[in-house]
C-alpha atoms as a PDB file:
ATOM      1  CA  UNK A   1    -119.365 -24.684  14.400  1.00  0.00           C
ATOM      2  CA  UNK A   2    -119.697 -23.369  10.894  1.00  0.00           C
ATOM      3  CA  UNK A   3    -122.582 -21.058  10.093  1.00  0.00           C
ATOM      4  CA  UNK A   4    -125.428 -22.629   8.157  1.00  0.00           C
ATOM      5  CA  UNK A   5    -127.129 -19.280   7.634  1.00  0.00           C
ATOM      6  CA  UNK A   6    -126.750 -18.139   4.052  1.00  0.00           C
ATOM      7  CA  UNK A   7    -128.667 -14.884   4.500  1.00  0.00           C
ATOM      8  CA  UNK A   8    -131.031 -13.130   6.876  1.00  0.00           C
ATOM      9  CA  UNK A   9    -133.863 -14.743   4.891  1.00  0.00           C
ATOM     10  CA  UNK A  10    -132.918 -18.067   6.552  1.00  0.00           C
ATOM     11  CA  UNK A  11    -133.933 -16.693   9.976  1.00  0.00           C
ATOM     12  CA  UNK A  12    -137.505 -16.418  11.273  1.00  0.00           C
ATOM     13  CA  UNK A  13    -138.519 -12.743  11.112  1.00  0.00           C
ATOM     14  CA  UNK A  14    -139.041 -12.428  14.885  1.00  0.00           C
ATOM     15  CA  UNK A  15    -135.564 -13.907  15.551  1.00  0.00           C
ATOM     16  CA  UNK A  16    -133.958 -11.437  13.182  1.00  0.00           C
ATOM     17  CA  UNK A  17    -135.975  -8.637  14.811  1.00  0.00           C
ATOM     18  CA  UNK A  18    -134.853  -9.735  18.284  1.00  0.00           C
ATOM     19  CA  UNK A  19    -131.174  -9.734  17.290  1.00  0.00           C
ATOM     20  CA  UNK A  20    -131.634  -6.337  15.679  1.00  0.00           C
ATOM     21  CA  UNK A  21    -133.376  -5.044  18.824  1.00  0.00           C
ATOM     22  CA  UNK A  22    -130.627  -6.298  21.138  1.00  0.00           C
ATOM     23  CA  UNK A  23    -127.894  -4.953  18.888  1.00  0.00           C
ATOM     24  CA  UNK A  24    -129.691  -1.608  18.523  1.00  0.00           C
ATOM     25  CA  UNK A  25    -130.211  -1.242  22.252  1.00  0.00           C
ATOM     26  CA  UNK A  26    -126.550  -1.884  22.845  1.00  0.00           C
ATOM     27  CA  UNK A  27    -125.150   0.491  20.238  1.00  0.00           C
ATOM     28  CA  UNK A  28    -127.779   3.198  19.796  1.00  0.00           C
ATOM     29  CA  UNK A  29    -126.895   5.457  22.721  1.00  0.00           C
ATOM     30  CA  UNK A  30    -123.352   6.232  21.609  1.00  0.00           C
ATOM     31  CA  UNK A  31    -120.485   4.808  19.616  1.00  0.00           C
ATOM     32  CA  UNK A  32    -118.608   1.867  21.093  1.00  0.00           C
ATOM     33  CA  UNK A  33    -115.091   2.420  22.330  1.00  0.00           C
ATOM     34  CA  UNK A  34    -112.474   2.266  19.576  1.00  0.00           C
ATOM     35  CA  UNK A  35    -111.015  -1.095  20.688  1.00  0.00           C
ATOM     36  CA  UNK A  36    -114.237  -3.074  20.078  1.00  0.00           C
ATOM     37  CA  UNK A  37    -116.226  -2.507  16.892  1.00  0.00           C
ATOM     38  CA  UNK A  38    -119.980  -2.912  16.493  1.00  0.00           C
ATOM     39  CA  UNK A  39    -119.312  -5.780  14.078  1.00  0.00           C
ATOM     40  CA  UNK A  40    -117.159  -7.545  16.664  1.00  0.00           C
ATOM     41  CA  UNK A  41    -119.930  -7.249  19.265  1.00  0.00           C
ATOM     42  CA  UNK A  42    -122.421  -8.898  16.906  1.00  0.00           C
ATOM     43  CA  UNK A  43    -119.913 -11.614  15.915  1.00  0.00           C
ATOM     44  CA  UNK A  44    -119.144 -12.303  19.571  1.00  0.00           C
ATOM     45  CA  UNK A  45    -122.859 -12.374  20.387  1.00  0.00           C
ATOM     46  CA  UNK A  46    -123.634 -15.126  17.848  1.00  0.00           C
ATOM     47  CA  UNK A  47    -120.463 -16.985  18.853  1.00  0.00           C
ATOM     48  CA  UNK A  48    -121.704 -17.520  22.402  1.00  0.00           C
ATOM     49  CA  UNK A  49    -120.060 -14.676  24.310  1.00  0.00           C
ATOM     50  CA  UNK A  50    -121.253 -14.098  27.850  1.00  0.00           C
ATOM     51  CA  UNK A  51    -122.341 -10.445  27.784  1.00  0.00           C
ATOM     52  CA  UNK A  52    -122.915  -8.400  30.953  1.00  0.00           C
ATOM     53  CA  UNK A  53    -124.710  -5.052  30.701  1.00  0.00           C
ATOM     54  CA  UNK A  54    -122.870  -3.215  33.487  1.00  0.00           C
ATOM     55  CA  UNK A  55    -124.992  -0.685  35.371  1.00  0.00           C
ATOM     56  CA  UNK A  56    -128.381  -1.479  33.807  1.00  0.00           C
ATOM     57  CA  UNK A  57    -129.987  -2.620  37.089  1.00  0.00           C
ATOM     58  CA  UNK A  58    -131.684  -5.479  35.237  1.00  0.00           C
ATOM     59  CA  UNK A  59    -133.222  -3.336  32.469  1.00  0.00           C
ATOM     60  CA  UNK A  60    -132.253  -5.660  29.577  1.00  0.00           C
ATOM     61  CA  UNK A  61    -133.382  -8.666  31.634  1.00  0.00           C
ATOM     62  CA  UNK A  62    -136.777  -7.034  32.208  1.00  0.00           C
ATOM     63  CA  UNK A  63    -137.051  -6.035  28.556  1.00  0.00           C
ATOM     64  CA  UNK A  64    -136.284  -9.553  27.282  1.00  0.00           C
ATOM     65  CA  UNK A  65    -138.610 -11.119  29.860  1.00  0.00           C
ATOM     66  CA  UNK A  66    -141.525  -8.855  28.966  1.00  0.00           C
ATOM     67  CA  UNK A  67    -141.038  -8.763  25.183  1.00  0.00           C
ATOM     68  CA  UNK A  68    -140.383 -12.347  24.045  1.00  0.00           C
ATOM     69  CA  UNK A  69    -141.876 -15.774  24.736  1.00  0.00           C
ATOM     70  CA  UNK A  70    -139.520 -17.518  27.130  1.00  0.00           C
ATOM     71  CA  UNK A  71    -139.167 -20.577  29.360  1.00  0.00           C
ATOM     72  CA  UNK A  72    -137.917 -20.550  32.950  1.00  0.00           C
ATOM     73  CA  UNK A  73    -134.627 -22.404  32.972  1.00  0.00           C
ATOM     74  CA  UNK A  74    -131.847 -23.540  35.259  1.00  0.00           C
ATOM     75  CA  UNK A  75    -128.249 -23.712  34.107  1.00  0.00           C
ATOM     76  CA  UNK A  76    -124.688 -23.718  35.371  1.00  0.00           C
ATOM     77  CA  UNK A  77    -124.648 -19.902  35.136  1.00  0.00           C
ATOM     78  CA  UNK A  78    -125.282 -17.803  38.224  1.00  0.00           C
ATOM     79  CA  UNK A  79    -128.377 -15.606  38.290  1.00  0.00           C
ATOM     80  CA  UNK A  80    -129.846 -13.843  41.286  1.00  0.00           C
ATOM     81  CA  UNK A  81    -133.228 -13.816  39.525  1.00  0.00           C
ATOM     82  CA  UNK A  82    -134.984 -16.539  37.564  1.00  0.00           C
ATOM     83  CA  UNK A  83    -133.072 -17.454  34.403  1.00  0.00           C
ATOM     84  CA  UNK A  84    -134.953 -17.689  31.130  1.00  0.00           C
ATOM     85  CA  UNK A  85    -134.312 -19.197  27.727  1.00  0.00           C
ATOM     86  CA  UNK A  86    -135.716 -17.943  24.444  1.00  0.00           C
ATOM     87  CA  UNK A  87    -135.637 -20.554  21.677  1.00  0.00           C
ATOM     88  CA  UNK A  88    -134.608 -18.702  18.528  1.00  0.00           C
ATOM     89  CA  UNK A  89    -134.875 -21.426  15.888  1.00  0.00           C
ATOM     90  CA  UNK A  90    -132.544 -24.038  14.455  1.00  0.00           C
ATOM     91  CA  UNK A  91    -129.820 -21.627  13.361  1.00  0.00           C
ATOM     92  CA  UNK A  92    -129.383 -19.513  16.482  1.00  0.00           C
ATOM     93  CA  UNK A  93    -130.732 -21.985  19.047  1.00  0.00           C
ATOM     94  CA  UNK A  94    -131.256 -20.459  22.500  1.00  0.00           C
ATOM     95  CA  UNK A  95    -130.667 -17.107  24.172  1.00  0.00           C
ATOM     96  CA  UNK A  96    -130.147 -17.619  27.894  1.00  0.00           C
ATOM     97  CA  UNK A  97    -130.393 -14.581  30.176  1.00  0.00           C
ATOM     98  CA  UNK A  98    -130.353 -13.659  33.843  1.00  0.00           C
ATOM     99  CA  UNK A  99    -129.033 -11.163  36.395  1.00  0.00           C
ATOM    100  CA  UNK A 100    -125.571 -11.059  38.000  1.00  0.00           C
ATOM    101  CA  UNK A 101    -124.884 -10.852  41.718  1.00  0.00           C
ATOM    102  CA  UNK A 102    -124.573  -7.045  41.308  1.00  0.00           C
ATOM    103  CA  UNK A 103    -127.933  -6.708  39.522  1.00  0.00           C
ATOM    104  CA  UNK A 104    -126.620  -6.368  35.950  1.00  0.00           C
ATOM    105  CA  UNK A 105    -128.318  -8.205  33.084  1.00  0.00           C
ATOM    106  CA  UNK A 106    -126.396 -10.932  31.308  1.00  0.00           C
ATOM    107  CA  UNK A 107    -127.160 -12.864  28.117  1.00  0.00           C
ATOM    108  CA  UNK A 108    -125.575 -15.627  26.094  1.00  0.00           C
ATOM    109  CA  UNK A 109    -126.507 -17.503  22.922  1.00  0.00           C
ATOM    110  CA  UNK A 110    -125.926 -21.234  23.363  1.00  0.00           C
ATOM    111  CA  UNK A 111    -124.679 -23.611  20.672  1.00  0.00           C
ATOM    112  CA  UNK A 112    -127.461 -26.063  21.519  1.00  0.00           C
ATOM    113  CA  UNK A 113    -130.173 -26.002  24.144  1.00  0.00           C
ATOM    114  CA  UNK A 114    -130.126 -28.455  27.039  1.00  0.00           C
ATOM    115  CA  UNK A 115    -133.696 -29.698  27.287  1.00  0.00           C
ATOM    116  CA  UNK A 116    -133.959 -33.483  27.575  1.00  0.00           C
ATOM    117  CA  UNK A 117    -137.745 -33.487  27.217  1.00  0.00           C
ATOM    118  CA  UNK A 118    -137.776 -31.426  24.024  1.00  0.00           C
ATOM    119  CA  UNK A 119    -134.522 -32.341  22.280  1.00  0.00           C
ATOM    120  CA  UNK A 120    -132.551 -35.351  23.524  1.00  0.00           C
ATOM    121  CA  UNK A 121    -129.935 -35.225  20.732  1.00  0.00           C
ATOM    122  CA  UNK A 122    -129.554 -31.458  21.176  1.00  0.00           C
ATOM    123  CA  UNK A 123    -129.013 -32.025  24.897  1.00  0.00           C
ATOM    124  CA  UNK A 124    -126.186 -34.457  24.094  1.00  0.00           C
ATOM    125  CA  UNK A 125    -124.649 -31.862  21.755  1.00  0.00           C
ATOM    126  CA  UNK A 126    -124.969 -29.302  24.580  1.00  0.00           C
ATOM    127  CA  UNK A 127    -122.949 -31.640  26.829  1.00  0.00           C
ATOM    128  CA  UNK A 128    -120.300 -31.966  24.097  1.00  0.00           C
ATOM    129  CA  UNK A 129    -120.233 -28.163  23.805  1.00  0.00           C
ATOM    130  CA  UNK A 130    -119.718 -27.956  27.572  1.00  0.00           C
ATOM    131  CA  UNK A 131    -116.814 -30.423  27.301  1.00  0.00           C
ATOM    132  CA  UNK A 132    -115.320 -28.261  24.525  1.00  0.00           C
ATOM    133  CA  UNK A 133    -115.656 -25.202  26.796  1.00  0.00           C
ATOM    134  CA  UNK A 134    -113.886 -27.042  29.632  1.00  0.00           C
ATOM    135  CA  UNK A 135    -111.068 -28.120  27.302  1.00  0.00           C
ATOM    136  CA  UNK A 136    -110.567 -24.830  25.444  1.00  0.00           C
ATOM    137  CA  UNK A 137    -111.871 -22.196  27.875  1.00  0.00           C
ATOM    138  CA  UNK A 138    -114.044 -20.772  25.063  1.00  0.00           C
ATOM    139  CA  UNK A 139    -117.844 -20.567  25.052  1.00  0.00           C
ATOM    140  CA  UNK A 140    -119.530 -22.433  22.221  1.00  0.00           C
ATOM    141  CA  UNK A 141    -122.280 -20.514  20.471  1.00  0.00           C
ATOM    142  CA  UNK A 142    -124.484 -21.290  17.498  1.00  0.00           C
ATOM    143  CA  UNK A 143    -122.084 -19.748  14.960  1.00  0.00           C
ATOM    144  CA  UNK A 144    -118.646 -20.098  16.538  1.00  0.00           C
ATOM    145  CA  UNK A 145    -116.737 -19.840  19.796  1.00  0.00           C
ATOM    146  CA  UNK A 146    -115.929 -16.884  22.015  1.00  0.00           C
ATOM    147  CA  UNK A 147    -113.234 -16.012  24.530  1.00  0.00           C
ATOM    148  CA  UNK A 148    -115.847 -14.147  26.614  1.00  0.00           C
ATOM    149  CA  UNK A 149    -117.133 -16.474  29.331  1.00  0.00           C
ATOM    150  CA  UNK A 150    -119.027 -16.022  32.576  1.00  0.00           C
ATOM    151  CA  UNK A 151    -115.659 -15.769  34.359  1.00  0.00           C
ATOM    152  CA  UNK A 152    -114.383 -13.228  31.819  1.00  0.00           C
ATOM    153  CA  UNK A 153    -117.422 -11.631  30.148  1.00  0.00           C
ATOM    154  CA  UNK A 154    -117.736  -8.935  27.539  1.00  0.00           C
ATOM    155  CA  UNK A 155    -118.940  -5.904  29.486  1.00  0.00           C
ATOM    156  CA  UNK A 156    -121.224  -3.354  27.929  1.00  0.00           C
ATOM    157  CA  UNK A 157    -121.408  -0.204  30.044  1.00  0.00           C
ATOM    158  CA  UNK A 158    -125.075   0.751  30.192  1.00  0.00           C
ATOM    159  CA  UNK A 159    -124.632   4.454  30.968  1.00  0.00           C
ATOM    160  CA  UNK A 160    -122.367   5.128  28.013  1.00  0.00           C
ATOM    161  CA  UNK A 161    -122.894   1.977  25.935  1.00  0.00           C
ATOM    162  CA  UNK A 162    -119.185   1.555  25.493  1.00  0.00           C
ATOM    163  CA  UNK A 163    -117.639  -1.897  25.366  1.00  0.00           C
ATOM    164  CA  UNK A 164    -114.964  -3.130  27.732  1.00  0.00           C
ATOM    165  CA  UNK A 165    -112.917  -6.287  27.239  1.00  0.00           C
ATOM    166  CA  UNK A 166    -111.117  -6.085  30.583  1.00  0.00           C
ATOM    167  CA  UNK A 167    -113.297  -5.862  33.705  1.00  0.00           C
ATOM    168  CA  UNK A 168    -110.403  -4.206  35.552  1.00  0.00           C
ATOM    169  CA  UNK A 169    -110.711  -1.242  33.201  1.00  0.00           C
ATOM    170  CA  UNK A 170    -114.235  -0.516  34.439  1.00  0.00           C
ATOM    171  CA  UNK A 171    -114.142   2.473  36.776  1.00  0.00           C
ATOM    172  CA  UNK A 172    -116.579   2.268  39.672  1.00  0.00           C
ATOM    173  CA  UNK A 173    -117.448   5.872  40.588  1.00  0.00           C
ATOM    174  CA  UNK A 174    -118.703   4.808  44.033  1.00  0.00           C
ATOM    175  CA  UNK A 175    -115.165   3.803  45.104  1.00  0.00           C
ATOM    176  CA  UNK A 176    -113.635   7.217  44.368  1.00  0.00           C
END
């Protein structure tokens, strides 16, 4: 999908603040690794990438849950704790978040929310987005598509806030 946001003035102030907060939390501790720029992380985020915060023990999940108005939600994504959705307005739609099997936070902006009671047409668009994902293998976000899916997420290492495209490149110190 093409972006219909002309400038940050087209976003509600709290939505812009939330994106800024998430982006700041991710990049403020240290510089990202050279192979993934800060700009790419933000582009991937608004394009629907499935982001896992490796090693955070649910900290981002708890922060999002306690900071923003959210709705309990079920989805096709796995979460060992209750999943939530934060509706972020017409342009950015919905941020879905939960916790992986290993206790790491995950988040993903969806192209359209699936909520039959609130938005029937949007729910149909969500189903079309899901069909596009199944056909192309790319997540569909509000402002584009992303190669980073639940099966192959974009990992953000919590302890160093570096970014890893390949989960095999993550070194687990407990195995050494």
